[in-house]
Amino acid sequence: MRTVFLIGDSIRYGSHNSPGYGSIVARRLEGEYRVVQPDANCEFTLYTLRHLRDWVKKLPAEKVDLVHWNNGLWDCAFVDGDSEPLVPPEVYAHTLVRIHRTLRSYFPEAKIVFALTTPIVEASYGPEFVRKNAVIREYNRIAAETLSPLGVIINDLYAVAESMTPDDYADRKTHFNAAADELLADAVVAAIRRELEE
């Protein structure tokens, strides 16, 4: 049975009011693929880079055939009135390359898919913690332009969620409700099957 490794922030992992797409993908692919993922929110790129070795050490499989990965929501957040995102764009791009290089060192034959960051409900954010869809789109552009030349497949989850309304968000802010997470899982499952069954 081939193995899929999912890493990503709370859009994958879930939150107190949202299942996340990760558990749904694992359920959908049960018996078809072995789906493994950290029991953790992988947060921002530098956090992922730091902890990747720990998560890989816990993998039950010797070989990973596909990595599906997302980072971005934390990176592009503005915290406590800071005028710069948590991870500036140039650092974001550089860290994506480092994560990719690390993944390649662990899984030299695996296909790697990067999921673009999903949109948020801007009106629900206060001044102490700000996210903006224009900034998310810019970070998505950076991710696609940085990773595509390295052979990374881009899974556009932003486009999947772009037409969703605040009612599709469990917190009317960032995290999706169960029905919307099912739609994100559709796109993740489709990408996995497309890449491993072609």
N, C-alpha and C. Protein backbone atom coordinates (compact mmCIF):
# COMPACT_ATOMS: atom_id res chain seq x y z
N MET A 1 0.84 -1.19 0.00
CA MET A 1 0.00 0.00 0.00
C MET A 1 0.88 1.25 0.00
N ARG A 2 0.62 2.17 -0.91
CA ARG A 2 1.42 3.39 -0.99
C ARG A 2 1.06 4.36 0.14
N THR A 3 2.03 5.20 0.50
CA THR A 3 1.89 6.08 1.66
C THR A 3 1.84 7.54 1.24
N VAL A 4 0.89 8.26 1.83
CA VAL A 4 0.74 9.70 1.64
C VAL A 4 1.02 10.37 2.98
N PHE A 5 1.87 11.39 2.96
CA PHE A 5 2.22 12.16 4.15
C PHE A 5 1.60 13.54 4.03
N LEU A 6 0.67 13.87 4.94
CA LEU A 6 0.02 15.18 4.95
C LEU A 6 0.66 16.05 6.02
N ILE A 7 1.10 17.26 5.65
CA ILE A 7 1.55 18.24 6.64
C ILE A 7 0.90 19.57 6.32
N GLY A 8 0.61 20.33 7.35
CA GLY A 8 -0.03 21.62 7.13
C GLY A 8 -0.61 22.21 8.40
N ASP A 9 -1.12 23.41 8.26
CA ASP A 9 -1.64 24.15 9.41
C ASP A 9 -3.03 23.64 9.81
N SER A 10 -3.79 24.46 10.55
CA SER A 10 -5.08 24.01 11.08
C SER A 10 -6.14 23.80 10.02
N ILE A 11 -5.93 24.27 8.80
CA ILE A 11 -6.87 23.95 7.72
C ILE A 11 -6.80 22.45 7.44
N ARG A 12 -5.61 21.86 7.61
CA ARG A 12 -5.46 20.40 7.53
C ARG A 12 -5.80 19.74 8.86
N TYR A 13 -5.22 20.25 9.94
CA TYR A 13 -5.26 19.58 11.24
C TYR A 13 -6.60 19.74 11.94
N GLY A 14 -7.28 20.85 11.69
CA GLY A 14 -8.52 21.13 12.37
C GLY A 14 -8.31 22.03 13.58
N SER A 15 -9.41 22.43 14.18
CA SER A 15 -9.38 23.29 15.35
C SER A 15 -10.52 22.86 16.28
N HIS A 16 -10.76 23.60 17.33
CA HIS A 16 -11.80 23.20 18.28
C HIS A 16 -13.20 23.18 17.65
N ASN A 17 -13.37 23.87 16.52
CA ASN A 17 -14.71 23.92 15.91
C ASN A 17 -14.72 23.46 14.45
N SER A 18 -13.62 22.87 13.99
CA SER A 18 -13.51 22.48 12.59
C SER A 18 -12.70 21.19 12.48
N PRO A 19 -13.18 20.21 11.72
CA PRO A 19 -12.43 18.94 11.63
C PRO A 19 -11.13 19.05 10.85
N GLY A 20 -11.04 20.02 9.92
CA GLY A 20 -9.89 20.07 9.02
C GLY A 20 -10.01 19.01 7.94
N TYR A 21 -9.28 19.21 6.83
CA TYR A 21 -9.42 18.25 5.74
C TYR A 21 -8.62 16.98 5.96
N GLY A 22 -7.62 17.00 6.87
CA GLY A 22 -6.73 15.86 7.02
C GLY A 22 -7.43 14.58 7.44
N SER A 23 -8.28 14.67 8.45
CA SER A 23 -8.97 13.47 8.92
C SER A 23 -9.95 12.95 7.88
N ILE A 24 -10.53 13.85 7.11
CA ILE A 24 -11.48 13.44 6.07
C ILE A 24 -10.74 12.72 4.95
N VAL A 25 -9.60 13.26 4.55
CA VAL A 25 -8.78 12.62 3.50
C VAL A 25 -8.37 11.22 3.95
N ALA A 26 -7.93 11.09 5.20
CA ALA A 26 -7.52 9.77 5.71
C ALA A 26 -8.69 8.79 5.66
N ARG A 27 -9.86 9.24 6.03
CA ARG A 27 -11.04 8.37 6.01
C ARG A 27 -11.40 7.98 4.58
N ARG A 28 -11.35 8.94 3.68
CA ARG A 28 -11.74 8.67 2.29
C ARG A 28 -10.78 7.68 1.61
N LEU A 29 -9.52 7.73 1.97
CA LEU A 29 -8.51 6.90 1.29
C LEU A 29 -8.18 5.61 2.04
N GLU A 30 -8.89 5.37 3.14
CA GLU A 30 -8.64 4.16 3.95
C GLU A 30 -8.81 2.90 3.10
N GLY A 31 -7.83 2.02 3.19
CA GLY A 31 -7.85 0.79 2.42
C GLY A 31 -7.27 0.92 1.03
N GLU A 32 -7.04 2.17 0.62
CA GLU A 32 -6.51 2.45 -0.72
C GLU A 32 -5.07 2.96 -0.62
N TYR A 33 -4.86 3.89 0.31
CA TYR A 33 -3.53 4.43 0.61
C TYR A 33 -3.38 4.50 2.12
N ARG A 34 -2.14 4.40 2.57
CA ARG A 34 -1.85 4.67 3.98
C ARG A 34 -1.63 6.18 4.09
N VAL A 35 -2.46 6.86 4.87
CA VAL A 35 -2.34 8.32 5.06
C VAL A 35 -1.79 8.57 6.45
N VAL A 36 -0.64 9.24 6.52
CA VAL A 36 -0.01 9.55 7.80
C VAL A 36 0.16 11.06 7.90
N GLN A 37 0.05 11.58 9.13
CA GLN A 37 0.16 13.02 9.33
C GLN A 37 0.49 13.31 10.78
N PRO A 38 1.17 14.43 11.05
CA PRO A 38 1.48 14.77 12.44
C PRO A 38 0.21 15.06 13.23
N ASP A 39 0.22 14.67 14.48
CA ASP A 39 -0.87 15.04 15.38
C ASP A 39 -0.53 16.42 15.95
N ALA A 40 -0.44 17.38 15.04
CA ALA A 40 -0.02 18.74 15.42
C ALA A 40 -0.40 19.70 14.30
N ASN A 41 -0.61 20.94 14.70
CA ASN A 41 -0.77 22.03 13.76
C ASN A 41 0.64 22.44 13.31
N CYS A 42 0.92 22.35 12.03
CA CYS A 42 2.28 22.62 11.54
C CYS A 42 2.58 24.12 11.41
N GLU A 43 1.60 24.97 11.67
CA GLU A 43 1.74 26.41 11.82
C GLU A 43 2.47 27.07 10.64
N PHE A 44 3.51 27.86 10.93
CA PHE A 44 4.18 28.64 9.89
C PHE A 44 5.41 27.91 9.36
N THR A 45 5.98 28.43 8.28
CA THR A 45 7.03 27.70 7.56
C THR A 45 8.24 27.38 8.44
N LEU A 46 8.71 28.34 9.24
CA LEU A 46 9.89 28.07 10.06
C LEU A 46 9.59 27.02 11.13
N TYR A 47 8.39 27.00 11.64
CA TYR A 47 7.97 25.97 12.59
C TYR A 47 7.97 24.60 11.89
N THR A 48 7.43 24.54 10.70
CA THR A 48 7.42 23.29 9.93
C THR A 48 8.84 22.81 9.67
N LEU A 49 9.71 23.73 9.26
CA LEU A 49 11.10 23.36 8.99
C LEU A 49 11.76 22.79 10.24
N ARG A 50 11.53 23.42 11.37
CA ARG A 50 12.15 22.96 12.62
C ARG A 50 11.65 21.57 13.04
N HIS A 51 10.35 21.33 12.89
CA HIS A 51 9.76 20.11 13.44
C HIS A 51 9.63 18.97 12.43
N LEU A 52 9.94 19.22 11.20
CA LEU A 52 9.76 18.20 10.17
C LEU A 52 10.50 16.91 10.52
N ARG A 53 11.72 17.04 10.99
CA ARG A 53 12.51 15.84 11.34
C ARG A 53 11.81 15.03 12.44
N ASP A 54 11.17 15.72 13.39
CA ASP A 54 10.48 15.01 14.47
C ASP A 54 9.28 14.24 13.94
N TRP A 55 8.54 14.87 13.04
CA TRP A 55 7.37 14.21 12.47
C TRP A 55 7.77 13.03 11.60
N VAL A 56 8.84 13.20 10.84
CA VAL A 56 9.30 12.11 9.95
C VAL A 56 9.76 10.91 10.77
N LYS A 57 10.42 11.16 11.89
CA LYS A 57 10.89 10.06 12.74
C LYS A 57 9.75 9.18 13.23
N LYS A 58 8.55 9.73 13.34
CA LYS A 58 7.41 8.99 13.87
C LYS A 58 6.61 8.28 12.78
N LEU A 59 7.03 8.42 11.52
CA LEU A 59 6.27 7.80 10.45
C LEU A 59 6.32 6.28 10.56
N PRO A 60 5.18 5.63 10.38
CA PRO A 60 5.16 4.17 10.46
C PRO A 60 5.61 3.49 9.18
N ALA A 61 5.85 4.28 8.14
CA ALA A 61 6.19 3.70 6.84
C ALA A 61 7.64 4.00 6.49
N GLU A 62 8.27 3.06 5.81
CA GLU A 62 9.65 3.26 5.38
C GLU A 62 9.72 4.19 4.17
N LYS A 63 8.71 4.17 3.35
CA LYS A 63 8.72 4.92 2.09
C LYS A 63 7.46 5.76 2.00
N VAL A 64 7.64 7.01 1.58
CA VAL A 64 6.51 7.90 1.33
C VAL A 64 6.44 8.15 -0.17
N ASP A 65 5.26 7.97 -0.74
CA ASP A 65 5.09 8.11 -2.18
C ASP A 65 4.65 9.51 -2.59
N LEU A 66 3.95 10.21 -1.67
CA LEU A 66 3.49 11.56 -1.98
C LEU A 66 3.38 12.36 -0.69
N VAL A 67 3.85 13.61 -0.75
CA VAL A 67 3.69 14.56 0.35
C VAL A 67 2.71 15.63 -0.11
N HIS A 68 1.67 15.85 0.68
CA HIS A 68 0.75 16.97 0.42
C HIS A 68 0.94 17.94 1.57
N TRP A 69 1.29 19.20 1.24
CA TRP A 69 1.84 20.13 2.23
C TRP A 69 1.21 21.50 2.05
N ASN A 70 0.91 22.16 3.18
CA ASN A 70 0.53 23.57 3.09
C ASN A 70 1.11 24.36 4.26
N ASN A 71 1.51 25.59 3.98
CA ASN A 71 1.93 26.60 4.96
C ASN A 71 1.56 27.96 4.38
N GLY A 72 1.16 28.89 5.23
CA GLY A 72 0.90 30.23 4.71
C GLY A 72 0.03 31.10 5.60
N LEU A 73 -1.00 30.52 6.20
CA LEU A 73 -1.92 31.33 7.01
C LEU A 73 -1.20 32.03 8.16
N TRP A 74 -0.30 31.34 8.81
CA TRP A 74 0.46 31.95 9.90
C TRP A 74 1.51 32.91 9.35
N ASP A 75 2.15 32.53 8.27
CA ASP A 75 3.25 33.33 7.73
C ASP A 75 2.80 34.75 7.38
N CYS A 76 1.60 34.87 6.81
CA CYS A 76 1.17 36.17 6.30
C CYS A 76 0.32 36.95 7.30
N ALA A 77 0.24 36.50 8.55
CA ALA A 77 -0.55 37.19 9.57
C ALA A 77 0.23 38.38 10.14
N PHE A 78 -0.51 39.43 10.47
CA PHE A 78 0.05 40.60 11.13
C PHE A 78 -0.37 40.53 12.61
N VAL A 79 0.61 40.50 13.51
CA VAL A 79 0.34 40.25 14.92
C VAL A 79 0.63 41.49 15.76
N ASP A 80 -0.30 41.82 16.65
CA ASP A 80 -0.13 42.91 17.62
C ASP A 80 0.25 44.24 16.98
N GLY A 81 -0.38 44.55 15.85
CA GLY A 81 -0.16 45.84 15.22
C GLY A 81 1.14 45.98 14.45
N ASP A 82 1.89 44.89 14.33
CA ASP A 82 3.15 44.94 13.56
C ASP A 82 2.82 45.26 12.10
N SER A 83 3.64 46.09 11.48
CA SER A 83 3.39 46.48 10.09
C SER A 83 3.90 45.45 9.10
N GLU A 84 4.63 44.44 9.58
CA GLU A 84 5.14 43.38 8.72
C GLU A 84 4.46 42.06 9.06
N PRO A 85 4.28 41.20 8.06
CA PRO A 85 3.76 39.86 8.35
C PRO A 85 4.73 39.09 9.26
N LEU A 86 4.19 38.09 9.95
CA LEU A 86 5.01 37.28 10.85
C LEU A 86 6.27 36.77 10.15
N VAL A 87 6.10 36.25 8.94
CA VAL A 87 7.24 35.81 8.13
C VAL A 87 7.25 36.65 6.86
N PRO A 88 8.23 37.55 6.69
CA PRO A 88 8.25 38.41 5.51
C PRO A 88 8.31 37.61 4.21
N PRO A 89 7.84 38.18 3.11
CA PRO A 89 7.73 37.43 1.85
C PRO A 89 9.02 36.76 1.41
N GLU A 90 10.15 37.46 1.51
CA GLU A 90 11.41 36.87 1.05
C GLU A 90 11.84 35.71 1.94
N VAL A 91 11.52 35.80 3.24
CA VAL A 91 11.84 34.70 4.15
C VAL A 91 10.90 33.52 3.89
N TYR A 92 9.65 33.83 3.61
CA TYR A 92 8.67 32.79 3.26
C TYR A 92 9.16 31.99 2.05
N ALA A 93 9.54 32.69 0.99
CA ALA A 93 10.02 32.01 -0.22
C ALA A 93 11.24 31.15 0.08
N HIS A 94 12.20 31.72 0.82
CA HIS A 94 13.43 30.99 1.13
C HIS A 94 13.14 29.76 1.99
N THR A 95 12.22 29.90 2.95
CA THR A 95 11.92 28.77 3.83
C THR A 95 11.15 27.68 3.09
N LEU A 96 10.29 28.06 2.16
CA LEU A 96 9.63 27.05 1.32
C LEU A 96 10.67 26.20 0.59
N VAL A 97 11.69 26.85 0.05
CA VAL A 97 12.75 26.11 -0.65
C VAL A 97 13.47 25.17 0.31
N ARG A 98 13.73 25.64 1.53
CA ARG A 98 14.42 24.80 2.51
C ARG A 98 13.56 23.60 2.93
N ILE A 99 12.27 23.83 3.11
CA ILE A 99 11.38 22.71 3.44
C ILE A 99 11.36 21.72 2.29
N HIS A 100 11.26 22.22 1.08
CA HIS A 100 11.26 21.33 -0.08
C HIS A 100 12.55 20.51 -0.13
N ARG A 101 13.68 21.18 0.10
CA ARG A 101 14.97 20.48 0.07
C ARG A 101 15.02 19.40 1.15
N THR A 102 14.47 19.71 2.32
CA THR A 102 14.45 18.73 3.41
C THR A 102 13.54 17.55 3.07
N LEU A 103 12.35 17.85 2.53
CA LEU A 103 11.46 16.77 2.11
C LEU A 103 12.13 15.88 1.08
N ARG A 104 12.83 16.48 0.14
CA ARG A 104 13.52 15.71 -0.90
C ARG A 104 14.60 14.82 -0.29
N SER A 105 15.26 15.31 0.76
CA SER A 105 16.31 14.50 1.38
C SER A 105 15.71 13.27 2.08
N TYR A 106 14.53 13.42 2.65
CA TYR A 106 13.86 12.31 3.30
C TYR A 106 13.18 11.37 2.31
N PHE A 107 12.57 11.97 1.30
CA PHE A 107 11.73 11.20 0.37
C PHE A 107 12.13 11.53 -1.08
N PRO A 108 13.29 11.05 -1.52
CA PRO A 108 13.81 11.46 -2.83
C PRO A 108 12.94 11.09 -4.02
N GLU A 109 12.09 10.07 -3.87
CA GLU A 109 11.28 9.64 -5.01
C GLU A 109 9.82 10.07 -4.89
N ALA A 110 9.47 10.73 -3.80
CA ALA A 110 8.06 11.10 -3.58
C ALA A 110 7.65 12.27 -4.47
N LYS A 111 6.40 12.26 -4.86
CA LYS A 111 5.81 13.44 -5.48
C LYS A 111 5.45 14.41 -4.36
N ILE A 112 5.64 15.70 -4.62
CA ILE A 112 5.33 16.71 -3.62
C ILE A 112 4.28 17.66 -4.17
N VAL A 113 3.21 17.82 -3.40
CA VAL A 113 2.10 18.71 -3.77
C VAL A 113 2.02 19.79 -2.70
N PHE A 114 1.96 21.06 -3.15
CA PHE A 114 1.79 22.17 -2.21
C PHE A 114 0.40 22.76 -2.41
N ALA A 115 -0.34 22.88 -1.30
CA ALA A 115 -1.69 23.44 -1.35
C ALA A 115 -1.64 24.93 -1.03
N LEU A 116 -2.20 25.74 -1.91
CA LEU A 116 -2.24 27.18 -1.67
C LEU A 116 -3.16 27.49 -0.50
N THR A 117 -2.83 28.56 0.19
CA THR A 117 -3.54 28.98 1.40
C THR A 117 -4.97 29.42 1.07
N THR A 118 -5.90 29.03 1.93
CA THR A 118 -7.31 29.33 1.73
C THR A 118 -7.64 30.76 2.18
N PRO A 119 -8.70 31.36 1.62
CA PRO A 119 -9.09 32.71 2.01
C PRO A 119 -9.72 32.74 3.40
N ILE A 120 -9.83 33.96 3.94
CA ILE A 120 -10.42 34.16 5.27
C ILE A 120 -11.56 35.18 5.15
N VAL A 121 -12.31 35.33 6.24
CA VAL A 121 -13.37 36.35 6.30
C VAL A 121 -12.76 37.58 6.95
N GLU A 122 -12.33 38.53 6.14
CA GLU A 122 -11.56 39.68 6.63
C GLU A 122 -12.29 40.47 7.71
N ALA A 123 -13.58 40.65 7.55
CA ALA A 123 -14.34 41.51 8.47
C ALA A 123 -14.34 40.99 9.90
N SER A 124 -14.00 39.72 10.08
CA SER A 124 -14.03 39.12 11.41
C SER A 124 -12.74 39.32 12.19
N TYR A 125 -11.73 39.88 11.56
CA TYR A 125 -10.44 40.06 12.22
C TYR A 125 -10.35 41.41 12.91
N GLY A 126 -9.75 41.40 14.10
CA GLY A 126 -9.54 42.63 14.84
C GLY A 126 -8.12 43.15 14.65
N PRO A 127 -7.78 44.28 15.24
CA PRO A 127 -6.47 44.90 15.01
C PRO A 127 -5.29 44.14 15.62
N GLU A 128 -5.56 43.28 16.62
CA GLU A 128 -4.45 42.60 17.28
C GLU A 128 -3.92 41.40 16.47
N PHE A 129 -4.75 40.91 15.55
CA PHE A 129 -4.33 39.76 14.72
C PHE A 129 -5.05 39.89 13.39
N VAL A 130 -4.30 40.24 12.37
CA VAL A 130 -4.91 40.61 11.09
C VAL A 130 -4.45 39.67 9.98
N ARG A 131 -5.40 39.23 9.19
CA ARG A 131 -5.09 38.55 7.93
C ARG A 131 -5.86 39.26 6.83
N LYS A 132 -5.29 39.31 5.63
CA LYS A 132 -5.93 39.97 4.51
C LYS A 132 -5.85 39.06 3.29
N ASN A 133 -6.95 38.95 2.57
CA ASN A 133 -6.96 38.07 1.40
C ASN A 133 -5.99 38.52 0.32
N ALA A 134 -5.79 39.81 0.18
CA ALA A 134 -4.82 40.30 -0.82
C ALA A 134 -3.41 39.81 -0.48
N VAL A 135 -3.09 39.79 0.81
CA VAL A 135 -1.78 39.29 1.24
C VAL A 135 -1.70 37.78 1.05
N ILE A 136 -2.77 37.07 1.37
CA ILE A 136 -2.80 35.62 1.14
C ILE A 136 -2.57 35.32 -0.34
N ARG A 137 -3.23 36.07 -1.21
CA ARG A 137 -3.03 35.85 -2.66
C ARG A 137 -1.59 36.11 -3.07
N GLU A 138 -0.97 37.13 -2.48
CA GLU A 138 0.43 37.43 -2.79
C GLU A 138 1.34 36.30 -2.32
N TYR A 139 1.10 35.78 -1.14
CA TYR A 139 1.91 34.66 -0.64
C TYR A 139 1.66 33.41 -1.48
N ASN A 140 0.45 33.23 -1.94
CA ASN A 140 0.17 32.10 -2.84
C ASN A 140 0.94 32.25 -4.15
N ARG A 141 0.99 33.47 -4.66
CA ARG A 141 1.75 33.72 -5.90
C ARG A 141 3.23 33.38 -5.66
N ILE A 142 3.76 33.85 -4.54
CA ILE A 142 5.17 33.57 -4.20
C ILE A 142 5.40 32.06 -4.11
N ALA A 143 4.50 31.36 -3.43
CA ALA A 143 4.66 29.91 -3.28
C ALA A 143 4.66 29.21 -4.63
N ALA A 144 3.70 29.55 -5.48
CA ALA A 144 3.61 28.90 -6.80
C ALA A 144 4.85 29.21 -7.64
N GLU A 145 5.27 30.46 -7.65
CA GLU A 145 6.42 30.84 -8.47
C GLU A 145 7.73 30.28 -7.92
N THR A 146 7.78 30.04 -6.62
CA THR A 146 8.99 29.49 -6.01
C THR A 146 9.07 27.99 -6.16
N LEU A 147 7.95 27.30 -5.97
CA LEU A 147 7.97 25.84 -5.91
C LEU A 147 7.74 25.15 -7.25
N SER A 148 6.97 25.76 -8.13
CA SER A 148 6.69 25.11 -9.42
C SER A 148 7.97 24.77 -10.19
N PRO A 149 8.97 25.68 -10.28
CA PRO A 149 10.19 25.32 -11.00
C PRO A 149 10.96 24.16 -10.37
N LEU A 150 10.66 23.85 -9.10
CA LEU A 150 11.31 22.73 -8.43
C LEU A 150 10.58 21.42 -8.65
N GLY A 151 9.52 21.46 -9.46
CA GLY A 151 8.76 20.26 -9.76
C GLY A 151 7.63 19.98 -8.79
N VAL A 152 7.32 20.94 -7.91
CA VAL A 152 6.23 20.76 -6.95
C VAL A 152 4.90 21.02 -7.67
N ILE A 153 3.94 20.14 -7.43
CA ILE A 153 2.59 20.29 -8.02
C ILE A 153 1.80 21.24 -7.12
N ILE A 154 1.10 22.20 -7.71
CA ILE A 154 0.33 23.16 -6.94
C ILE A 154 -1.14 22.74 -6.91
N ASN A 155 -1.69 22.65 -5.69
CA ASN A 155 -3.10 22.34 -5.50
C ASN A 155 -3.78 23.63 -5.02
N ASP A 156 -4.60 24.21 -5.85
CA ASP A 156 -5.16 25.55 -5.57
C ASP A 156 -6.39 25.47 -4.67
N LEU A 157 -6.15 25.32 -3.36
CA LEU A 157 -7.26 25.29 -2.42
C LEU A 157 -7.88 26.68 -2.24
N TYR A 158 -7.12 27.72 -2.55
CA TYR A 158 -7.71 29.07 -2.50
C TYR A 158 -8.89 29.15 -3.47
N ALA A 159 -8.70 28.65 -4.67
CA ALA A 159 -9.77 28.68 -5.67
C ALA A 159 -10.97 27.85 -5.24
N VAL A 160 -10.70 26.73 -4.57
CA VAL A 160 -11.80 25.87 -4.09
C VAL A 160 -12.67 26.63 -3.09
N ALA A 161 -12.03 27.41 -2.21
CA ALA A 161 -12.76 28.08 -1.13
C ALA A 161 -13.17 29.51 -1.46
N GLU A 162 -12.72 30.03 -2.58
CA GLU A 162 -12.91 31.45 -2.88
C GLU A 162 -14.38 31.86 -2.94
N SER A 163 -15.24 30.98 -3.40
CA SER A 163 -16.66 31.33 -3.54
C SER A 163 -17.46 31.02 -2.27
N MET A 164 -16.81 30.51 -1.24
CA MET A 164 -17.53 30.20 0.00
C MET A 164 -17.94 31.49 0.71
N THR A 165 -19.01 31.40 1.48
CA THR A 165 -19.53 32.53 2.23
C THR A 165 -19.15 32.40 3.69
N PRO A 166 -19.34 33.46 4.51
CA PRO A 166 -19.05 33.33 5.94
C PRO A 166 -19.77 32.16 6.61
N ASP A 167 -20.92 31.77 6.08
CA ASP A 167 -21.65 30.64 6.66
C ASP A 167 -20.93 29.31 6.47
N ASP A 168 -19.97 29.26 5.54
CA ASP A 168 -19.19 28.04 5.31
C ASP A 168 -18.01 27.92 6.27
N TYR A 169 -17.81 28.95 7.08
CA TYR A 169 -16.72 28.96 8.06
C TYR A 169 -17.30 28.65 9.44
N ALA A 170 -16.72 27.68 10.13
CA ALA A 170 -17.22 27.31 11.44
C ALA A 170 -17.11 28.46 12.43
N ASP A 171 -16.05 29.26 12.28
CA ASP A 171 -15.84 30.40 13.17
C ASP A 171 -16.14 31.73 12.49
N ARG A 172 -16.70 31.65 11.25
CA ARG A 172 -16.96 32.84 10.44
C ARG A 172 -15.71 33.71 10.32
N LYS A 173 -14.55 33.04 10.22
CA LYS A 173 -13.28 33.76 10.25
C LYS A 173 -12.22 33.06 9.40
N THR A 174 -11.74 31.89 9.86
CA THR A 174 -10.61 31.19 9.24
C THR A 174 -10.91 29.73 8.93
N HIS A 175 -11.49 29.04 9.91
CA HIS A 175 -11.68 27.59 9.81
C HIS A 175 -13.05 27.25 9.25
N PHE A 176 -13.09 26.18 8.50
CA PHE A 176 -14.30 25.82 7.77
C PHE A 176 -15.18 24.87 8.55
N ASN A 177 -16.46 24.86 8.21
CA ASN A 177 -17.36 23.89 8.83
C ASN A 177 -17.18 22.53 8.16
N ALA A 178 -17.87 21.53 8.67
CA ALA A 178 -17.67 20.15 8.19
C ALA A 178 -17.97 20.01 6.70
N ALA A 179 -19.02 20.65 6.22
CA ALA A 179 -19.38 20.54 4.80
C ALA A 179 -18.32 21.17 3.92
N ALA A 180 -17.81 22.32 4.32
CA ALA A 180 -16.77 22.98 3.53
C ALA A 180 -15.47 22.20 3.57
N ASP A 181 -15.15 21.62 4.74
CA ASP A 181 -13.95 20.78 4.82
C ASP A 181 -14.06 19.57 3.89
N GLU A 182 -15.26 19.06 3.72
CA GLU A 182 -15.45 17.96 2.76
C GLU A 182 -15.07 18.39 1.34
N LEU A 183 -15.40 19.63 0.99
CA LEU A 183 -15.06 20.14 -0.34
C LEU A 183 -13.54 20.30 -0.50
N LEU A 184 -12.89 20.79 0.54
CA LEU A 184 -11.43 20.87 0.49
C LEU A 184 -10.82 19.48 0.38
N ALA A 185 -11.38 18.53 1.15
CA ALA A 185 -10.88 17.15 1.08
C ALA A 185 -11.07 16.57 -0.32
N ASP A 186 -12.17 16.92 -0.99
CA ASP A 186 -12.38 16.48 -2.38
C ASP A 186 -11.18 16.86 -3.24
N ALA A 187 -10.74 18.12 -3.10
CA ALA A 187 -9.64 18.61 -3.92
C ALA A 187 -8.32 17.94 -3.56
N VAL A 188 -8.13 17.66 -2.26
CA VAL A 188 -6.89 17.00 -1.83
C VAL A 188 -6.86 15.56 -2.31
N VAL A 189 -7.97 14.86 -2.14
CA VAL A 189 -8.06 13.47 -2.60
C VAL A 189 -7.87 13.39 -4.10
N ALA A 190 -8.48 14.31 -4.83
CA ALA A 190 -8.34 14.32 -6.30
C ALA A 190 -6.89 14.52 -6.70
N ALA A 191 -6.18 15.42 -6.01
CA ALA A 191 -4.77 15.66 -6.33
C ALA A 191 -3.93 14.42 -6.04
N ILE A 192 -4.19 13.78 -4.92
CA ILE A 192 -3.44 12.57 -4.56
C ILE A 192 -3.67 11.47 -5.59
N ARG A 193 -4.92 11.23 -5.91
CA ARG A 193 -5.21 10.17 -6.89
C ARG A 193 -4.63 10.49 -8.26
N ARG A 194 -4.76 11.76 -8.65
CA ARG A 194 -4.24 12.16 -9.97
C ARG A 194 -2.74 11.90 -10.08
N GLU A 195 -2.01 12.25 -9.03
CA GLU A 195 -0.56 12.13 -9.08
C GLU A 195 -0.06 10.70 -8.90
N LEU A 196 -0.79 9.89 -8.12
CA LEU A 196 -0.32 8.53 -7.85
C LEU A 196 -0.93 7.48 -8.79
N GLU A 197 -1.96 7.86 -9.53
CA GLU A 197 -2.60 6.88 -10.39
C GLU A 197 -2.41 7.15 -11.87
N GLU A 198 -1.67 8.23 -12.18
CA GLU A 198 -1.48 8.54 -13.61
C GLU A 198 -0.56 7.52 -14.27
